[in-house]
Amino acid sequence: MQINLTNLGKRYNRDWIFRHLDYTFSEGKKYAITGPNGSGKSTLLQIIAGAVSHNEGTIKYTINNQFTSSEEIHQRLSLAAPYMELIEEMTAKELLEFHSTFKSLRLPINEIIAIVGLSKATNKQIRYYSSGMKQRLKLAQAFFSEAPILCLDEPTTNLDAAGIAVYDQLIDQYTNNRMVLISSNDEQEYKCCDEVIKIEYFKKA
């Protein structure tokens, strides 16, 4: 599996966020997209995930040497980001059960919840979770989806030291043979990455 970006550009009104971006992401490798706040790293990740449209250039998704559409790639991609909304009337167990109707999960739900340290809150409505607990649940939903592409936007946001340790464990144990893209300006979040893309290199007008 590969994702090929060719002459990719994104603008808001007349201001280009980035331009002329060429890059190839390959299966089984980990990539960091870095840059200052507001530089466009999250925007690039969302474009790759198909959540935001680009203004110029092309994105091609290749699976088994066959091109596939951005609509089809959603089934093969999972995303965790601070701005993602959870259904707060649900419990963690209910949310993962609902999510599993769209994407298969790699492990039983109770085991997933235990791995991310939420066993005591399994049946508590998400509205009563702290911001750190919600982030653990977002990571669980992304890491344990049966998807070969894993996109993580500032993955340790709102996590304390114990939560960061959980994140490190997830990276170590559940990313083998997956394409991982991490948008971050925190080196601890992307220390696992094979390649670093500095978004500020693509600020051409």
C-alpha atoms as a PDB file:
ATOM      1  CA  MET A   1       0.000   0.000   0.000  1.00  0.00           C
ATOM      2  CA  GLN A   2       1.181   3.513  -0.850  1.00  0.00           C
ATOM      3  CA  ILE A   3      -0.131   7.060  -0.687  1.00  0.00           C
ATOM      4  CA  ASN A   4       1.357   9.368  -3.314  1.00  0.00           C
ATOM      5  CA  LEU A   5       1.095  13.154  -3.043  1.00  0.00           C
ATOM      6  CA  THR A   6       1.957  15.088  -6.200  1.00  0.00           C
ATOM      7  CA  ASN A   7       2.222  18.903  -6.313  1.00  0.00           C
ATOM      8  CA  LEU A   8      -0.245  19.062  -3.426  1.00  0.00           C
ATOM      9  CA  GLY A   9      -1.426  22.454  -2.247  1.00  0.00           C
ATOM     10  CA  LYS A  10      -3.979  23.856   0.171  1.00  0.00           C
ATOM     11  CA  ARG A  11      -5.135  27.428   0.643  1.00  0.00           C
ATOM     12  CA  TYR A  12      -7.688  29.309   2.692  1.00  0.00           C
ATOM     13  CA  ASN A  13      -8.997  32.302   0.735  1.00  0.00           C
ATOM     14  CA  ARG A  14      -5.857  33.677  -0.947  1.00  0.00           C
ATOM     15  CA  ASP A  15      -3.357  32.392   1.593  1.00  0.00           C
ATOM     16  CA  TRP A  16      -1.550  29.188   0.729  1.00  0.00           C
ATOM     17  CA  ILE A  17      -1.000  26.913   3.714  1.00  0.00           C
ATOM     18  CA  PHE A  18       1.444  24.800   1.688  1.00  0.00           C
ATOM     19  CA  ARG A  19       2.210  24.192  -1.983  1.00  0.00           C
ATOM     20  CA  HIS A  20       4.169  21.916  -4.317  1.00  0.00           C
ATOM     21  CA  LEU A  21       4.274  19.042  -1.854  1.00  0.00           C
ATOM     22  CA  ASP A  22       5.478  15.748  -3.336  1.00  0.00           C
ATOM     23  CA  TYR A  23       5.756  12.728  -1.088  1.00  0.00           C
ATOM     24  CA  THR A  24       5.213   8.970  -1.006  1.00  0.00           C
ATOM     25  CA  PHE A  25       4.053   7.147   2.121  1.00  0.00           C
ATOM     26  CA  SER A  26       4.630   3.390   2.183  1.00  0.00           C
ATOM     27  CA  GLU A  27       3.115   0.513   4.107  1.00  0.00           C
ATOM     28  CA  GLY A  28       4.893  -0.506   7.295  1.00  0.00           C
ATOM     29  CA  LYS A  29       6.649   2.842   7.861  1.00  0.00           C
ATOM     30  CA  LYS A  30       6.028   5.628  10.372  1.00  0.00           C
ATOM     31  CA  TYR A  31       6.035   9.296   9.387  1.00  0.00           C
ATOM     32  CA  ALA A  32       5.981  12.534  11.365  1.00  0.00           C
ATOM     33  CA  ILE A  33       4.481  15.731   9.969  1.00  0.00           C
ATOM     34  CA  THR A  34       5.980  18.582  11.978  1.00  0.00           C
ATOM     35  CA  GLY A  35       5.772  22.352  12.138  1.00  0.00           C
ATOM     36  CA  PRO A  36       4.813  25.267  14.403  1.00  0.00           C
ATOM     37  CA  ASN A  37       1.229  25.783  15.534  1.00  0.00           C
ATOM     38  CA  GLY A  38      -0.886  26.957  12.617  1.00  0.00           C
ATOM     39  CA  SER A  39       1.637  25.778  10.026  1.00  0.00           C
ATOM     40  CA  GLY A  40      -0.738  23.327   8.338  1.00  0.00           C
ATOM     41  CA  LYS A  41       0.444  19.973   9.647  1.00  0.00           C
ATOM     42  CA  SER A  42      -3.017  18.984  10.924  1.00  0.00           C
ATOM     43  CA  THR A  43      -4.546  20.198   7.665  1.00  0.00           C
ATOM     44  CA  LEU A  44      -2.214  17.958   5.670  1.00  0.00           C
ATOM     45  CA  LEU A  45      -3.086  14.974   7.833  1.00  0.00           C
ATOM     46  CA  GLN A  46      -6.809  15.652   7.358  1.00  0.00           C
ATOM     47  CA  ILE A  47      -6.334  15.938   3.589  1.00  0.00           C
ATOM     48  CA  ILE A  48      -4.561  12.586   3.492  1.00  0.00           C
ATOM     49  CA  ALA A  49      -7.376  11.095   5.593  1.00  0.00           C
ATOM     50  CA  GLY A  50      -9.955  12.470   3.157  1.00  0.00           C
ATOM     51  CA  ALA A  51     -11.590  14.761   5.723  1.00  0.00           C
ATOM     52  CA  VAL A  52     -10.503  18.023   4.038  1.00  0.00           C
ATOM     53  CA  SER A  53     -10.180  18.773   0.328  1.00  0.00           C
ATOM     54  CA  HIS A  54      -7.029  20.131  -1.309  1.00  0.00           C
ATOM     55  CA  ASN A  55      -6.861  22.928  -3.893  1.00  0.00           C
ATOM     56  CA  GLU A  56      -4.242  21.671  -6.280  1.00  0.00           C
ATOM     57  CA  GLY A  57      -2.289  18.534  -7.037  1.00  0.00           C
ATOM     58  CA  THR A  58      -3.316  14.908  -6.593  1.00  0.00           C
ATOM     59  CA  ILE A  59      -3.466  12.166  -3.991  1.00  0.00           C
ATOM     60  CA  LYS A  60      -3.314   8.570  -5.179  1.00  0.00           C
ATOM     61  CA  TYR A  61      -3.969   5.598  -2.906  1.00  0.00           C
ATOM     62  CA  THR A  62      -2.466   2.351  -4.202  1.00  0.00           C
ATOM     63  CA  ILE A  63      -3.449  -1.049  -2.792  1.00  0.00           C
ATOM     64  CA  ASN A  64      -1.896  -4.177  -4.315  1.00  0.00           C
ATOM     65  CA  ASN A  65      -0.723  -2.049  -7.261  1.00  0.00           C
ATOM     66  CA  GLN A  66      -4.290  -0.904  -7.934  1.00  0.00           C
ATOM     67  CA  PHE A  67      -5.485   2.680  -7.508  1.00  0.00           C
ATOM     68  CA  THR A  68      -8.412   3.159  -5.139  1.00  0.00           C
ATOM     69  CA  SER A  69     -10.641   6.160  -4.457  1.00  0.00           C
ATOM     70  CA  SER A  70     -10.531   8.437  -1.419  1.00  0.00           C
ATOM     71  CA  GLU A  71     -14.015   7.170  -0.527  1.00  0.00           C
ATOM     72  CA  GLU A  72     -12.831   3.560  -0.432  1.00  0.00           C
ATOM     73  CA  ILE A  73      -9.723   4.409   1.585  1.00  0.00           C
ATOM     74  CA  HIS A  74     -11.852   5.419   4.602  1.00  0.00           C
ATOM     75  CA  GLN A  75     -12.407   1.763   5.407  1.00  0.00           C
ATOM     76  CA  ARG A  76      -8.652   1.234   5.567  1.00  0.00           C
ATOM     77  CA  LEU A  77      -7.822   4.284   7.658  1.00  0.00           C
ATOM     78  CA  SER A  78      -8.335   5.277  11.291  1.00  0.00           C
ATOM     79  CA  LEU A  79      -7.821   8.705  12.854  1.00  0.00           C
ATOM     80  CA  ALA A  80      -7.384  10.057  16.377  1.00  0.00           C
ATOM     81  CA  ALA A  81      -7.364  13.817  16.931  1.00  0.00           C
ATOM     82  CA  PRO A  82      -8.161  16.241  19.781  1.00  0.00           C
ATOM     83  CA  TYR A  83     -10.929  17.907  17.727  1.00  0.00           C
ATOM     84  CA  MET A  84     -12.798  14.641  17.110  1.00  0.00           C
ATOM     85  CA  GLU A  85     -16.137  14.441  18.861  1.00  0.00           C
ATOM     86  CA  LEU A  86     -17.271  11.430  20.855  1.00  0.00           C
ATOM     87  CA  ILE A  87     -20.908  10.501  21.430  1.00  0.00           C
ATOM     88  CA  GLU A  88     -21.011  11.574  25.047  1.00  0.00           C
ATOM     89  CA  GLU A  89     -24.339   9.921  25.878  1.00  0.00           C
ATOM     90  CA  MET A  90     -22.695   6.541  25.246  1.00  0.00           C
ATOM     91  CA  THR A  91     -20.400   4.570  27.522  1.00  0.00           C
ATOM     92  CA  ALA A  92     -16.941   3.508  26.315  1.00  0.00           C
ATOM     93  CA  LYS A  93     -18.246  -0.011  25.712  1.00  0.00           C
ATOM     94  CA  GLU A  94     -21.253   1.248  23.760  1.00  0.00           C
ATOM     95  CA  LEU A  95     -19.094   3.573  21.664  1.00  0.00           C
ATOM     96  CA  LEU A  96     -16.681   0.803  20.670  1.00  0.00           C
ATOM     97  CA  GLU A  97     -19.588  -1.553  19.945  1.00  0.00           C
ATOM     98  CA  PHE A  98     -21.115   1.109  17.695  1.00  0.00           C
ATOM     99  CA  HIS A  99     -17.754   1.779  16.032  1.00  0.00           C
ATOM    100  CA  SER A 100     -17.292  -1.949  15.357  1.00  0.00           C
ATOM    101  CA  THR A 101     -20.376  -1.907  13.104  1.00  0.00           C
ATOM    102  CA  PHE A 102     -18.336   0.246  10.710  1.00  0.00           C
ATOM    103  CA  LYS A 103     -14.844  -1.162  11.237  1.00  0.00           C
ATOM    104  CA  SER A 104     -13.836  -4.446  12.785  1.00  0.00           C
ATOM    105  CA  LEU A 105     -11.803  -4.280  15.979  1.00  0.00           C
ATOM    106  CA  ARG A 106      -8.539  -6.130  16.500  1.00  0.00           C
ATOM    107  CA  LEU A 107      -9.324  -7.292  20.045  1.00  0.00           C
ATOM    108  CA  PRO A 108     -12.393  -7.871  22.229  1.00  0.00           C
ATOM    109  CA  ILE A 109     -13.842  -4.613  23.541  1.00  0.00           C
ATOM    110  CA  ASN A 110     -13.258  -5.331  27.241  1.00  0.00           C
ATOM    111  CA  GLU A 111      -9.614  -6.107  26.490  1.00  0.00           C
ATOM    112  CA  ILE A 112      -9.209  -2.868  24.517  1.00  0.00           C
ATOM    113  CA  ILE A 113     -10.712  -0.842  27.361  1.00  0.00           C
ATOM    114  CA  ALA A 114      -8.370  -2.518  29.856  1.00  0.00           C
ATOM    115  CA  ILE A 115      -5.286  -1.820  27.720  1.00  0.00           C
ATOM    116  CA  VAL A 116      -6.004   1.917  27.665  1.00  0.00           C
ATOM    117  CA  GLY A 117      -6.729   1.963  31.404  1.00  0.00           C
ATOM    118  CA  LEU A 118     -10.464   2.661  31.342  1.00  0.00           C
ATOM    119  CA  SER A 119     -11.819  -0.548  32.885  1.00  0.00           C
ATOM    120  CA  LYS A 120     -13.249   1.240  35.930  1.00  0.00           C
ATOM    121  CA  ALA A 121     -15.139   3.614  33.638  1.00  0.00           C
ATOM    122  CA  THR A 122     -16.398   1.017  31.145  1.00  0.00           C
ATOM    123  CA  ASN A 123     -20.068   1.702  31.874  1.00  0.00           C
ATOM    124  CA  LYS A 124     -19.797   5.402  32.709  1.00  0.00           C
ATOM    125  CA  GLN A 125     -21.182   7.882  30.178  1.00  0.00           C
ATOM    126  CA  ILE A 126     -18.397   9.611  28.253  1.00  0.00           C
ATOM    127  CA  ARG A 127     -19.782  13.014  29.270  1.00  0.00           C
ATOM    128  CA  TYR A 128     -18.371  12.326  32.742  1.00  0.00           C
ATOM    129  CA  TYR A 129     -14.881  11.497  31.454  1.00  0.00           C
ATOM    130  CA  SER A 130     -11.957  13.836  31.973  1.00  0.00           C
ATOM    131  CA  SER A 131     -10.230  15.206  28.869  1.00  0.00           C
ATOM    132  CA  GLY A 132      -7.432  12.668  29.364  1.00  0.00           C
ATOM    133  CA  MET A 133      -9.872   9.752  29.570  1.00  0.00           C
ATOM    134  CA  LYS A 134     -11.555  10.918  26.372  1.00  0.00           C
ATOM    135  CA  GLN A 135      -8.185  11.041  24.632  1.00  0.00           C
ATOM    136  CA  ARG A 136      -7.407   7.484  25.757  1.00  0.00           C
ATOM    137  CA  LEU A 137     -10.722   6.385  24.243  1.00  0.00           C
ATOM    138  CA  LYS A 138      -9.975   8.178  20.959  1.00  0.00           C
ATOM    139  CA  LEU A 139      -6.620   6.395  20.815  1.00  0.00           C
ATOM    140  CA  ALA A 140      -8.305   3.068  21.542  1.00  0.00           C
ATOM    141  CA  GLN A 141     -10.795   3.602  18.742  1.00  0.00           C
ATOM    142  CA  ALA A 142      -7.999   4.402  16.268  1.00  0.00           C
ATOM    143  CA  PHE A 143      -5.317   1.883  17.270  1.00  0.00           C
ATOM    144  CA  PHE A 144      -7.660  -1.090  17.531  1.00  0.00           C
ATOM    145  CA  SER A 145      -9.624  -0.506  14.342  1.00  0.00           C
ATOM    146  CA  GLU A 146      -8.796  -3.107  11.710  1.00  0.00           C
ATOM    147  CA  ALA A 147      -7.184  -0.497   9.451  1.00  0.00           C
ATOM    148  CA  PRO A 148      -3.692  -0.580   7.914  1.00  0.00           C
ATOM    149  CA  ILE A 149      -3.329   3.238   7.919  1.00  0.00           C
ATOM    150  CA  LEU A 150      -3.193   4.984  11.294  1.00  0.00           C
ATOM    151  CA  CYS A 151      -3.362   8.796  11.444  1.00  0.00           C
ATOM    152  CA  LEU A 152      -2.620  10.504  14.756  1.00  0.00           C
ATOM    153  CA  ASP A 153      -2.931  14.246  15.301  1.00  0.00           C
ATOM    154  CA  GLU A 154      -1.137  15.443  18.458  1.00  0.00           C
ATOM    155  CA  PRO A 155      -1.855  12.062  20.073  1.00  0.00           C
ATOM    156  CA  THR A 156      -0.791  12.828  23.655  1.00  0.00           C
ATOM    157  CA  THR A 157      -2.954  15.957  23.997  1.00  0.00           C
ATOM    158  CA  ASN A 158      -4.506  16.064  27.500  1.00  0.00           C
ATOM    159  CA  LEU A 159      -2.645  12.934  28.628  1.00  0.00           C
ATOM    160  CA  ASP A 160      -0.783  12.763  31.938  1.00  0.00           C
ATOM    161  CA  ALA A 161       2.386  10.717  32.433  1.00  0.00           C
ATOM    162  CA  ALA A 162       0.423   7.475  32.799  1.00  0.00           C
ATOM    163  CA  GLY A 163      -1.553   8.253  29.641  1.00  0.00           C
ATOM    164  CA  ILE A 164       1.629   8.979  27.694  1.00  0.00           C
ATOM    165  CA  ALA A 165       2.972   5.600  28.832  1.00  0.00           C
ATOM    166  CA  VAL A 166      -0.191   4.002  27.417  1.00  0.00           C
ATOM    167  CA  TYR A 167       0.387   5.803  24.113  1.00  0.00           C
ATOM    168  CA  ASP A 168       3.992   4.567  23.975  1.00  0.00           C
ATOM    169  CA  GLN A 169       2.773   1.019  24.629  1.00  0.00           C
ATOM    170  CA  LEU A 170       0.212   1.284  21.824  1.00  0.00           C
ATOM    171  CA  ILE A 171       2.887   2.498  19.402  1.00  0.00           C
ATOM    172  CA  ASP A 172       5.281  -0.288  20.409  1.00  0.00           C
ATOM    173  CA  GLN A 173       2.792  -3.149  20.308  1.00  0.00           C
ATOM    174  CA  TYR A 174       0.067  -2.293  17.803  1.00  0.00           C
ATOM    175  CA  THR A 175       1.671  -0.592  14.814  1.00  0.00           C
ATOM    176  CA  ASN A 176       3.637  -3.419  13.216  1.00  0.00           C
ATOM    177  CA  ASN A 177       3.162  -3.516   9.433  1.00  0.00           C
ATOM    178  CA  ARG A 178       0.908  -0.441   9.534  1.00  0.00           C
ATOM    179  CA  MET A 179       1.444   2.924   7.870  1.00  0.00           C
ATOM    180  CA  VAL A 180       1.507   5.463  10.700  1.00  0.00           C
ATOM    181  CA  LEU A 181       1.277   9.238  10.166  1.00  0.00           C
ATOM    182  CA  ILE A 182       1.745  11.484  13.214  1.00  0.00           C
ATOM    183  CA  SER A 183       1.113  15.228  13.105  1.00  0.00           C
ATOM    184  CA  SER A 184       3.010  16.810  15.978  1.00  0.00           C
ATOM    185  CA  ASN A 185       5.616  19.310  17.141  1.00  0.00           C
ATOM    186  CA  ASP A 186       6.457  17.214  20.220  1.00  0.00           C
ATOM    187  CA  GLU A 187       9.433  14.944  19.579  1.00  0.00           C
ATOM    188  CA  GLN A 188       8.263  12.493  22.239  1.00  0.00           C
ATOM    189  CA  GLU A 189       5.121  11.821  20.200  1.00  0.00           C
ATOM    190  CA  TYR A 190       7.009  10.942  17.025  1.00  0.00           C
ATOM    191  CA  LYS A 191      10.274   9.489  18.325  1.00  0.00           C
ATOM    192  CA  CYS A 192       9.205   6.178  16.745  1.00  0.00           C
ATOM    193  CA  CYS A 193       9.035   7.633  13.218  1.00  0.00           C
ATOM    194  CA  ASP A 194      11.250   6.615  10.321  1.00  0.00           C
ATOM    195  CA  GLU A 195      10.875   9.894   8.411  1.00  0.00           C
ATOM    196  CA  VAL A 196      10.051  13.507   9.304  1.00  0.00           C
ATOM    197  CA  ILE A 197       8.238  15.895   6.941  1.00  0.00           C
ATOM    198  CA  LYS A 198       8.707  19.559   7.883  1.00  0.00           C
ATOM    199  CA  ILE A 199       5.641  21.377   6.605  1.00  0.00           C
ATOM    200  CA  GLU A 200       7.433  24.740   6.634  1.00  0.00           C
ATOM    201  CA  TYR A 201       9.530  23.526   3.663  1.00  0.00           C
ATOM    202  CA  PHE A 202       6.367  23.759   1.534  1.00  0.00           C
ATOM    203  CA  LYS A 203       5.351  27.355   2.203  1.00  0.00           C
ATOM    204  CA  LYS A 204       5.969  28.549  -1.342  1.00  0.00           C
ATOM    205  CA  ALA A 205       3.605  31.176  -2.730  1.00  0.00           C
END
